[in-house]
Amino acid sequence: MILAVCAQTSLVAQEKAASTQQIRVSVPFVGCKSDGPSDPREAPKGTSASVPITIKAAQMLAFYRSPEGLSVLAPRGWYCLGIYGSGGDALLVSPQPIDESTIFSADRGGFRGPAIDISRRFGGTSGRFDVAKIIARVFPAYKLSAYNFLAGFDWAISSLVWGPYPTDGLTYKSNRVVEYKTPAQTDGLGTYNSTLKKNNNAIDGAAILVGPTPDLLLLSVRLPPELNGLASVIIRQIERDAERDDK
């Protein structure tokens, strides 16, 4: 156990150094098909992606991308599926094949084990309800935006819960970026509108506001214990991508 913790700590330290020095390495590209209200969309094509992470991390990760342009680092050899709609889109990555009929069922099915869920909700469409709810939870500087999103929807405004989930651990990177940890068997950012269902393991991730509207990126990551050291690598890459897109 001590050796495993030391290995994870070392991986995180190396990844921070690689990011700071902008040492870029190649990881395999994995195109993911997507499905939604219209016809299914074919997976995008690519050969590799260059990212500022350590060689050790790169040997365990691949770059998954949906036709809608959502992307995330995730363990090699996993399965993926994009989802799109008028309110936003999502990219799901799992070590097990993803059953689309379950994902689109009334209760959305979901993952009881390891998985990664990155979603993008549009503040200018029906996704505004989700954006406003997360702003109320963790982005106090954008309180007015939440009210503006829900103007004319008094029932939605009255349903907003102001303040963080009681058990979530939050680390603010800026007033638009917050990393979180949702503990085992609890509801929080990690389970909000996510395909990851609570179990005996924590969920790590980040909530990020992007663009002038703004839109919302919400990342939920739950890895197998032996890969937990990669969670911070995955989160930091999402933050880098969001910062680039914001510019």
C-alpha atoms as a PDB file:
ATOM      1  CA  MET A   1       0.000   0.000   0.000  1.00  0.00           C
ATOM      2  CA  ILE A   2       2.805   2.437   0.912  1.00  0.00           C
ATOM      3  CA  LEU A   3       4.599   1.655  -2.341  1.00  0.00           C
ATOM      4  CA  ALA A   4       1.386   2.299  -4.323  1.00  0.00           C
ATOM      5  CA  VAL A   5       0.862   5.668  -2.637  1.00  0.00           C
ATOM      6  CA  CYS A   6       4.496   6.659  -3.267  1.00  0.00           C
ATOM      7  CA  ALA A   7       4.178   5.682  -6.938  1.00  0.00           C
ATOM      8  CA  GLN A   8       1.035   7.795  -7.343  1.00  0.00           C
ATOM      9  CA  THR A   9       2.654  10.763  -5.593  1.00  0.00           C
ATOM     10  CA  SER A  10       5.708  10.472  -7.827  1.00  0.00           C
ATOM     11  CA  LEU A  11       3.513  10.377 -10.952  1.00  0.00           C
ATOM     12  CA  VAL A  12       1.665  13.528  -9.898  1.00  0.00           C
ATOM     13  CA  ALA A  13       4.945  15.364  -9.175  1.00  0.00           C
ATOM     14  CA  GLN A  14       6.397  14.333 -12.540  1.00  0.00           C
ATOM     15  CA  GLU A  15       3.253  15.434 -14.369  1.00  0.00           C
ATOM     16  CA  LYS A  16       3.368  18.859 -12.698  1.00  0.00           C
ATOM     17  CA  ALA A  17       6.978  19.266 -13.792  1.00  0.00           C
ATOM     18  CA  ALA A  18       6.157  18.208 -17.352  1.00  0.00           C
ATOM     19  CA  SER A  19       3.255  20.659 -17.517  1.00  0.00           C
ATOM     20  CA  THR A  20       5.368  23.534 -16.188  1.00  0.00           C
ATOM     21  CA  GLN A  21       8.153  22.853 -18.676  1.00  0.00           C
ATOM     22  CA  GLN A  22       5.677  22.184 -21.524  1.00  0.00           C
ATOM     23  CA  ILE A  23       7.351  18.886 -22.397  1.00  0.00           C
ATOM     24  CA  ARG A  24       4.932  17.432 -24.917  1.00  0.00           C
ATOM     25  CA  VAL A  25       4.600  13.721 -25.640  1.00  0.00           C
ATOM     26  CA  SER A  26       2.378  11.805 -28.029  1.00  0.00           C
ATOM     27  CA  VAL A  27      -0.504   9.600 -26.947  1.00  0.00           C
ATOM     28  CA  PRO A  28      -2.740   7.472 -29.187  1.00  0.00           C
ATOM     29  CA  PHE A  29      -5.873   9.100 -30.635  1.00  0.00           C
ATOM     30  CA  VAL A  30      -9.199   7.287 -30.196  1.00  0.00           C
ATOM     31  CA  GLY A  31     -12.210   8.529 -32.129  1.00  0.00           C
ATOM     32  CA  CYS A  32     -15.577   7.950 -30.469  1.00  0.00           C
ATOM     33  CA  LYS A  33     -18.896   7.705 -32.269  1.00  0.00           C
ATOM     34  CA  SER A  34     -21.816   9.644 -30.857  1.00  0.00           C
ATOM     35  CA  ASP A  35     -25.569   9.363 -30.698  1.00  0.00           C
ATOM     36  CA  GLY A  36     -28.400  11.739 -29.981  1.00  0.00           C
ATOM     37  CA  PRO A  37     -31.806  12.971 -31.164  1.00  0.00           C
ATOM     38  CA  SER A  38     -30.781  12.798 -34.837  1.00  0.00           C
ATOM     39  CA  ASP A  39     -28.722  10.141 -36.589  1.00  0.00           C
ATOM     40  CA  PRO A  40     -25.604   8.596 -35.026  1.00  0.00           C
ATOM     41  CA  ARG A  41     -22.389  10.384 -35.909  1.00  0.00           C
ATOM     42  CA  GLU A  42     -19.220   8.655 -37.024  1.00  0.00           C
ATOM     43  CA  ALA A  43     -16.091   8.707 -34.908  1.00  0.00           C
ATOM     44  CA  PRO A  44     -13.521  11.350 -35.879  1.00  0.00           C
ATOM     45  CA  LYS A  45     -10.223  10.129 -37.293  1.00  0.00           C
ATOM     46  CA  GLY A  46      -6.757  10.876 -35.985  1.00  0.00           C
ATOM     47  CA  THR A  47      -3.397   9.279 -35.320  1.00  0.00           C
ATOM     48  CA  SER A  48      -2.008  10.805 -32.135  1.00  0.00           C
ATOM     49  CA  ALA A  49      -2.266  13.820 -29.854  1.00  0.00           C
ATOM     50  CA  SER A  50       0.542  15.832 -28.259  1.00  0.00           C
ATOM     51  CA  VAL A  51       0.040  16.701 -24.586  1.00  0.00           C
ATOM     52  CA  PRO A  52       2.327  18.068 -21.815  1.00  0.00           C
ATOM     53  CA  ILE A  53       2.454  15.020 -19.535  1.00  0.00           C
ATOM     54  CA  THR A  54       5.144  12.603 -18.452  1.00  0.00           C
ATOM     55  CA  ILE A  55       6.246   9.694 -20.606  1.00  0.00           C
ATOM     56  CA  LYS A  56       5.124   7.326 -17.855  1.00  0.00           C
ATOM     57  CA  ALA A  57       1.599   8.759 -17.854  1.00  0.00           C
ATOM     58  CA  ALA A  58       1.519   8.808 -21.665  1.00  0.00           C
ATOM     59  CA  GLN A  59       2.236   5.082 -21.739  1.00  0.00           C
ATOM     60  CA  MET A  60      -1.021   4.459 -19.850  1.00  0.00           C
ATOM     61  CA  LEU A  61      -3.312   7.020 -21.477  1.00  0.00           C
ATOM     62  CA  ALA A  62      -4.996   7.723 -24.806  1.00  0.00           C
ATOM     63  CA  PHE A  63      -6.732  10.821 -26.179  1.00  0.00           C
ATOM     64  CA  TYR A  64     -10.455  10.179 -26.716  1.00  0.00           C
ATOM     65  CA  ARG A  65     -12.498  12.592 -28.851  1.00  0.00           C
ATOM     66  CA  SER A  66     -16.152  12.831 -29.908  1.00  0.00           C
ATOM     67  CA  PRO A  67     -17.491  14.169 -33.234  1.00  0.00           C
ATOM     68  CA  GLU A  68     -18.735  17.215 -31.295  1.00  0.00           C
ATOM     69  CA  GLY A  69     -15.180  18.097 -30.263  1.00  0.00           C
ATOM     70  CA  LEU A  70     -15.220  16.995 -26.631  1.00  0.00           C
ATOM     71  CA  SER A  71     -11.992  15.271 -25.657  1.00  0.00           C
ATOM     72  CA  VAL A  72     -10.455  13.694 -22.572  1.00  0.00           C
ATOM     73  CA  LEU A  73      -7.419  11.672 -21.577  1.00  0.00           C
ATOM     74  CA  ALA A  74      -8.393   8.223 -20.320  1.00  0.00           C
ATOM     75  CA  PRO A  75      -6.748   4.832 -19.814  1.00  0.00           C
ATOM     76  CA  ARG A  76      -5.773   3.001 -22.979  1.00  0.00           C
ATOM     77  CA  GLY A  77      -8.047   0.236 -24.219  1.00  0.00           C
ATOM     78  CA  TRP A  78     -11.270   1.671 -22.781  1.00  0.00           C
ATOM     79  CA  TYR A  79     -14.556   2.072 -24.664  1.00  0.00           C
ATOM     80  CA  CYS A  80     -16.152   5.429 -25.469  1.00  0.00           C
ATOM     81  CA  LEU A  81     -19.389   7.017 -26.613  1.00  0.00           C
ATOM     82  CA  GLY A  82     -20.403  10.592 -27.351  1.00  0.00           C
ATOM     83  CA  ILE A  83     -23.872  11.940 -26.604  1.00  0.00           C
ATOM     84  CA  TYR A  84     -25.288  15.133 -28.093  1.00  0.00           C
ATOM     85  CA  GLY A  85     -28.453  17.176 -27.787  1.00  0.00           C
ATOM     86  CA  SER A  86     -29.778  20.722 -27.855  1.00  0.00           C
ATOM     87  CA  GLY A  87     -28.697  21.413 -24.271  1.00  0.00           C
ATOM     88  CA  GLY A  88     -25.142  20.192 -24.682  1.00  0.00           C
ATOM     89  CA  ASP A  89     -23.061  17.089 -25.229  1.00  0.00           C
ATOM     90  CA  ALA A  90     -21.020  14.540 -23.309  1.00  0.00           C
ATOM     91  CA  LEU A  91     -18.249  11.996 -23.784  1.00  0.00           C
ATOM     92  CA  LEU A  92     -18.285   8.786 -21.774  1.00  0.00           C
ATOM     93  CA  VAL A  93     -15.285   6.463 -21.407  1.00  0.00           C
ATOM     94  CA  SER A  94     -15.427   3.115 -19.601  1.00  0.00           C
ATOM     95  CA  PRO A  95     -13.341  -0.066 -19.261  1.00  0.00           C
ATOM     96  CA  GLN A  96     -16.487  -2.011 -20.221  1.00  0.00           C
ATOM     97  CA  PRO A  97     -18.523  -1.776 -23.450  1.00  0.00           C
ATOM     98  CA  ILE A  98     -21.103   1.011 -23.160  1.00  0.00           C
ATOM     99  CA  ASP A  99     -24.718  -0.101 -23.569  1.00  0.00           C
ATOM    100  CA  GLU A 100     -26.394   2.744 -25.452  1.00  0.00           C
ATOM    101  CA  SER A 101     -29.882   1.438 -24.670  1.00  0.00           C
ATOM    102  CA  THR A 102     -29.100   1.781 -20.951  1.00  0.00           C
ATOM    103  CA  ILE A 103     -27.530   5.216 -21.272  1.00  0.00           C
ATOM    104  CA  PHE A 104     -30.631   6.524 -23.048  1.00  0.00           C
ATOM    105  CA  SER A 105     -33.122   4.807 -20.747  1.00  0.00           C
ATOM    106  CA  ALA A 106     -35.467   6.818 -18.520  1.00  0.00           C
ATOM    107  CA  ASP A 107     -33.154   6.559 -15.496  1.00  0.00           C
ATOM    108  CA  ARG A 108     -30.029   7.036 -17.689  1.00  0.00           C
ATOM    109  CA  GLY A 109     -28.547   3.789 -16.408  1.00  0.00           C
ATOM    110  CA  GLY A 110     -25.013   4.675 -15.505  1.00  0.00           C
ATOM    111  CA  PHE A 111     -21.703   3.303 -14.328  1.00  0.00           C
ATOM    112  CA  ARG A 112     -21.354   1.633 -10.937  1.00  0.00           C
ATOM    113  CA  GLY A 113     -17.627   1.119 -11.405  1.00  0.00           C
ATOM    114  CA  PRO A 114     -14.731   3.011 -13.015  1.00  0.00           C
ATOM    115  CA  ALA A 115     -15.644   5.517 -15.742  1.00  0.00           C
ATOM    116  CA  ILE A 116     -15.039   9.048 -16.986  1.00  0.00           C
ATOM    117  CA  ASP A 117     -17.828  11.476 -17.901  1.00  0.00           C
ATOM    118  CA  ILE A 118     -17.038  14.872 -19.445  1.00  0.00           C
ATOM    119  CA  SER A 119     -20.082  16.985 -20.288  1.00  0.00           C
ATOM    120  CA  ARG A 120     -20.580  20.423 -21.813  1.00  0.00           C
ATOM    121  CA  ARG A 121     -23.792  22.331 -21.092  1.00  0.00           C
ATOM    122  CA  PHE A 122     -24.681  25.359 -23.190  1.00  0.00           C
ATOM    123  CA  GLY A 123     -25.747  28.460 -21.286  1.00  0.00           C
ATOM    124  CA  GLY A 124     -27.585  29.825 -24.324  1.00  0.00           C
ATOM    125  CA  THR A 125     -29.911  26.820 -24.804  1.00  0.00           C
ATOM    126  CA  SER A 126     -31.888  24.440 -22.590  1.00  0.00           C
ATOM    127  CA  GLY A 127     -28.556  23.625 -20.947  1.00  0.00           C
ATOM    128  CA  ARG A 128     -28.904  26.928 -19.054  1.00  0.00           C
ATOM    129  CA  PHE A 129     -30.741  25.146 -16.232  1.00  0.00           C
ATOM    130  CA  ASP A 130     -27.755  22.917 -15.466  1.00  0.00           C
ATOM    131  CA  VAL A 131     -25.313  25.802 -15.839  1.00  0.00           C
ATOM    132  CA  ALA A 132     -27.322  27.896 -13.373  1.00  0.00           C
ATOM    133  CA  LYS A 133     -27.506  25.034 -10.849  1.00  0.00           C
ATOM    134  CA  ILE A 134     -23.741  24.513 -10.842  1.00  0.00           C
ATOM    135  CA  ILE A 135     -23.093  28.254 -10.664  1.00  0.00           C
ATOM    136  CA  ALA A 136     -25.298  28.349  -7.557  1.00  0.00           C
ATOM    137  CA  ARG A 137     -23.278  25.518  -6.044  1.00  0.00           C
ATOM    138  CA  VAL A 138     -19.687  26.593  -6.676  1.00  0.00           C
ATOM    139  CA  PHE A 139     -19.356  29.842  -8.668  1.00  0.00           C
ATOM    140  CA  PRO A 140     -20.526  32.693  -6.409  1.00  0.00           C
ATOM    141  CA  ALA A 141     -18.888  35.328  -8.627  1.00  0.00           C
ATOM    142  CA  TYR A 142     -21.410  34.407 -11.342  1.00  0.00           C
ATOM    143  CA  LYS A 143     -24.543  34.584  -9.195  1.00  0.00           C
ATOM    144  CA  LEU A 144     -26.074  37.246 -11.454  1.00  0.00           C
ATOM    145  CA  SER A 145     -25.497  35.008 -14.493  1.00  0.00           C
ATOM    146  CA  ALA A 146     -27.505  32.248 -12.835  1.00  0.00           C
ATOM    147  CA  TYR A 147     -30.447  34.621 -12.350  1.00  0.00           C
ATOM    148  CA  ASN A 148     -30.136  35.893 -15.914  1.00  0.00           C
ATOM    149  CA  PHE A 149     -30.146  32.349 -17.309  1.00  0.00           C
ATOM    150  CA  LEU A 150     -33.396  31.596 -15.493  1.00  0.00           C
ATOM    151  CA  ALA A 151     -35.186  34.894 -16.097  1.00  0.00           C
ATOM    152  CA  GLY A 152     -38.853  34.085 -16.627  1.00  0.00           C
ATOM    153  CA  PHE A 153     -38.519  30.657 -15.006  1.00  0.00           C
ATOM    154  CA  ASP A 154     -39.478  31.486 -11.413  1.00  0.00           C
ATOM    155  CA  TRP A 155     -39.886  27.808 -10.539  1.00  0.00           C
ATOM    156  CA  ALA A 156     -36.279  27.146 -11.598  1.00  0.00           C
ATOM    157  CA  ILE A 157     -34.908  30.109  -9.628  1.00  0.00           C
ATOM    158  CA  SER A 158     -36.693  28.956  -6.485  1.00  0.00           C
ATOM    159  CA  SER A 159     -35.180  25.474  -6.869  1.00  0.00           C
ATOM    160  CA  LEU A 160     -31.565  26.684  -6.893  1.00  0.00           C
ATOM    161  CA  VAL A 161     -29.450  25.515  -3.956  1.00  0.00           C
ATOM    162  CA  TRP A 162     -26.828  28.095  -3.038  1.00  0.00           C
ATOM    163  CA  GLY A 163     -23.579  26.770  -1.665  1.00  0.00           C
ATOM    164  CA  PRO A 164     -21.501  23.592  -2.122  1.00  0.00           C
ATOM    165  CA  TYR A 165     -22.643  20.043  -1.579  1.00  0.00           C
ATOM    166  CA  PRO A 166     -21.999  19.420   2.145  1.00  0.00           C
ATOM    167  CA  THR A 167     -19.502  16.591   1.683  1.00  0.00           C
ATOM    168  CA  ASP A 168     -17.653  17.760  -1.449  1.00  0.00           C
ATOM    169  CA  GLY A 169     -14.051  18.876  -1.088  1.00  0.00           C
ATOM    170  CA  LEU A 170     -13.351  21.907  -3.295  1.00  0.00           C
ATOM    171  CA  THR A 171     -10.102  23.452  -4.552  1.00  0.00           C
ATOM    172  CA  TYR A 172     -10.515  26.729  -6.444  1.00  0.00           C
ATOM    173  CA  LYS A 173      -8.070  27.437  -9.265  1.00  0.00           C
ATOM    174  CA  SER A 174      -9.875  30.666 -10.206  1.00  0.00           C
ATOM    175  CA  ASN A 175     -13.398  32.075  -9.994  1.00  0.00           C
ATOM    176  CA  ARG A 176     -14.192  30.004 -13.122  1.00  0.00           C
ATOM    177  CA  VAL A 177     -12.373  26.743 -12.322  1.00  0.00           C
ATOM    178  CA  VAL A 178     -12.892  24.492  -9.307  1.00  0.00           C
ATOM    179  CA  GLU A 179     -11.562  20.978  -8.718  1.00  0.00           C
ATOM    180  CA  TYR A 180     -13.607  18.721  -6.481  1.00  0.00           C
ATOM    181  CA  LYS A 181     -13.745  15.370  -4.753  1.00  0.00           C
ATOM    182  CA  THR A 182     -17.109  13.741  -4.061  1.00  0.00           C
ATOM    183  CA  PRO A 183     -16.599  11.136  -1.308  1.00  0.00           C
ATOM    184  CA  ALA A 184     -17.773   7.528  -1.564  1.00  0.00           C
ATOM    185  CA  GLN A 185     -21.515   6.903  -1.243  1.00  0.00           C
ATOM    186  CA  THR A 186     -22.440  10.585  -1.331  1.00  0.00           C
ATOM    187  CA  ASP A 187     -24.109  12.910  -3.812  1.00  0.00           C
ATOM    188  CA  GLY A 188     -22.147  15.871  -5.113  1.00  0.00           C
ATOM    189  CA  LEU A 189     -20.664  17.411  -8.223  1.00  0.00           C
ATOM    190  CA  GLY A 190     -19.389  13.954  -9.180  1.00  0.00           C
ATOM    191  CA  THR A 191     -22.895  12.542  -9.431  1.00  0.00           C
ATOM    192  CA  TYR A 192     -24.798  15.639 -10.610  1.00  0.00           C
ATOM    193  CA  ASN A 193     -26.418  14.813 -13.956  1.00  0.00           C
ATOM    194  CA  SER A 194     -23.593  12.298 -14.399  1.00  0.00           C
ATOM    195  CA  THR A 195     -23.547   8.698 -15.602  1.00  0.00           C
ATOM    196  CA  LEU A 196     -21.272   7.874 -12.634  1.00  0.00           C
ATOM    197  CA  LYS A 197     -23.369   6.469  -9.810  1.00  0.00           C
ATOM    198  CA  LYS A 198     -22.165   6.625  -6.229  1.00  0.00           C
ATOM    199  CA  ASN A 199     -20.377   3.565  -4.854  1.00  0.00           C
ATOM    200  CA  ASN A 200     -17.617   2.797  -2.350  1.00  0.00           C
ATOM    201  CA  ASN A 201     -15.055   4.932  -4.186  1.00  0.00           C
ATOM    202  CA  ALA A 202     -14.701   8.699  -4.443  1.00  0.00           C
ATOM    203  CA  ILE A 203     -15.171  10.675  -7.667  1.00  0.00           C
ATOM    204  CA  ASP A 204     -12.668  13.370  -8.667  1.00  0.00           C
ATOM    205  CA  GLY A 205     -13.185  16.053 -11.245  1.00  0.00           C
ATOM    206  CA  ALA A 206     -13.534  19.690 -12.167  1.00  0.00           C
ATOM    207  CA  ALA A 207     -16.252  22.212 -12.953  1.00  0.00           C
ATOM    208  CA  ILE A 208     -15.227  24.948 -15.393  1.00  0.00           C
ATOM    209  CA  LEU A 209     -17.035  27.953 -16.873  1.00  0.00           C
ATOM    210  CA  VAL A 210     -15.959  28.698 -20.452  1.00  0.00           C
ATOM    211  CA  GLY A 211     -16.741  31.468 -22.889  1.00  0.00           C
ATOM    212  CA  PRO A 212     -18.662  34.716 -22.451  1.00  0.00           C
ATOM    213  CA  THR A 213     -22.110  33.112 -22.077  1.00  0.00           C
ATOM    214  CA  PRO A 214     -20.750  31.147 -20.081  1.00  0.00           C
ATOM    215  CA  ASP A 215     -21.065  27.432 -20.829  1.00  0.00           C
ATOM    216  CA  LEU A 216     -20.174  24.706 -18.324  1.00  0.00           C
ATOM    217  CA  LEU A 217     -17.691  21.853 -18.510  1.00  0.00           C
ATOM    218  CA  LEU A 218     -18.206  19.211 -15.837  1.00  0.00           C
ATOM    219  CA  LEU A 219     -15.709  16.349 -15.523  1.00  0.00           C
ATOM    220  CA  SER A 220     -16.250  13.252 -13.362  1.00  0.00           C
ATOM    221  CA  VAL A 221     -13.437  10.703 -12.992  1.00  0.00           C
ATOM    222  CA  ARG A 222     -13.452   7.385 -11.131  1.00  0.00           C
ATOM    223  CA  LEU A 223     -10.507   5.119 -11.915  1.00  0.00           C
ATOM    224  CA  PRO A 224      -9.501   1.639 -10.754  1.00  0.00           C
ATOM    225  CA  PRO A 225      -7.354   1.854  -7.584  1.00  0.00           C
ATOM    226  CA  GLU A 226      -4.150   0.986  -9.433  1.00  0.00           C
ATOM    227  CA  LEU A 227      -4.694   3.970 -11.787  1.00  0.00           C
ATOM    228  CA  ASN A 228      -5.783   6.588  -9.257  1.00  0.00           C
ATOM    229  CA  GLY A 229      -2.550   8.513  -9.760  1.00  0.00           C
ATOM    230  CA  LEU A 230      -3.746   9.398 -13.278  1.00  0.00           C
ATOM    231  CA  ALA A 231      -6.834  11.319 -12.104  1.00  0.00           C
ATOM    232  CA  SER A 232      -4.916  14.552 -11.563  1.00  0.00           C
ATOM    233  CA  VAL A 233      -3.274  14.185 -14.995  1.00  0.00           C
ATOM    234  CA  ILE A 234      -6.703  13.857 -16.624  1.00  0.00           C
ATOM    235  CA  ILE A 235      -8.133  16.810 -14.702  1.00  0.00           C
ATOM    236  CA  ARG A 236      -5.241  19.136 -15.479  1.00  0.00           C
ATOM    237  CA  GLN A 237      -5.466  18.371 -19.212  1.00  0.00           C
ATOM    238  CA  ILE A 238      -9.162  19.321 -19.205  1.00  0.00           C
ATOM    239  CA  GLU A 239      -8.229  22.587 -17.473  1.00  0.00           C
ATOM    240  CA  ARG A 240      -5.534  23.299 -20.067  1.00  0.00           C
ATOM    241  CA  ASP A 241      -7.945  22.591 -22.926  1.00  0.00           C
ATOM    242  CA  ALA A 242     -10.595  24.840 -21.370  1.00  0.00           C
ATOM    243  CA  GLU A 243      -8.097  27.657 -20.882  1.00  0.00           C
ATOM    244  CA  ARG A 244      -7.017  27.380 -24.520  1.00  0.00           C
ATOM    245  CA  ASP A 245     -10.626  27.385 -25.772  1.00  0.00           C
ATOM    246  CA  ASP A 246     -11.485  30.324 -23.510  1.00  0.00           C
ATOM    247  CA  LYS A 247      -8.854  32.410 -25.259  1.00  0.00           C
END
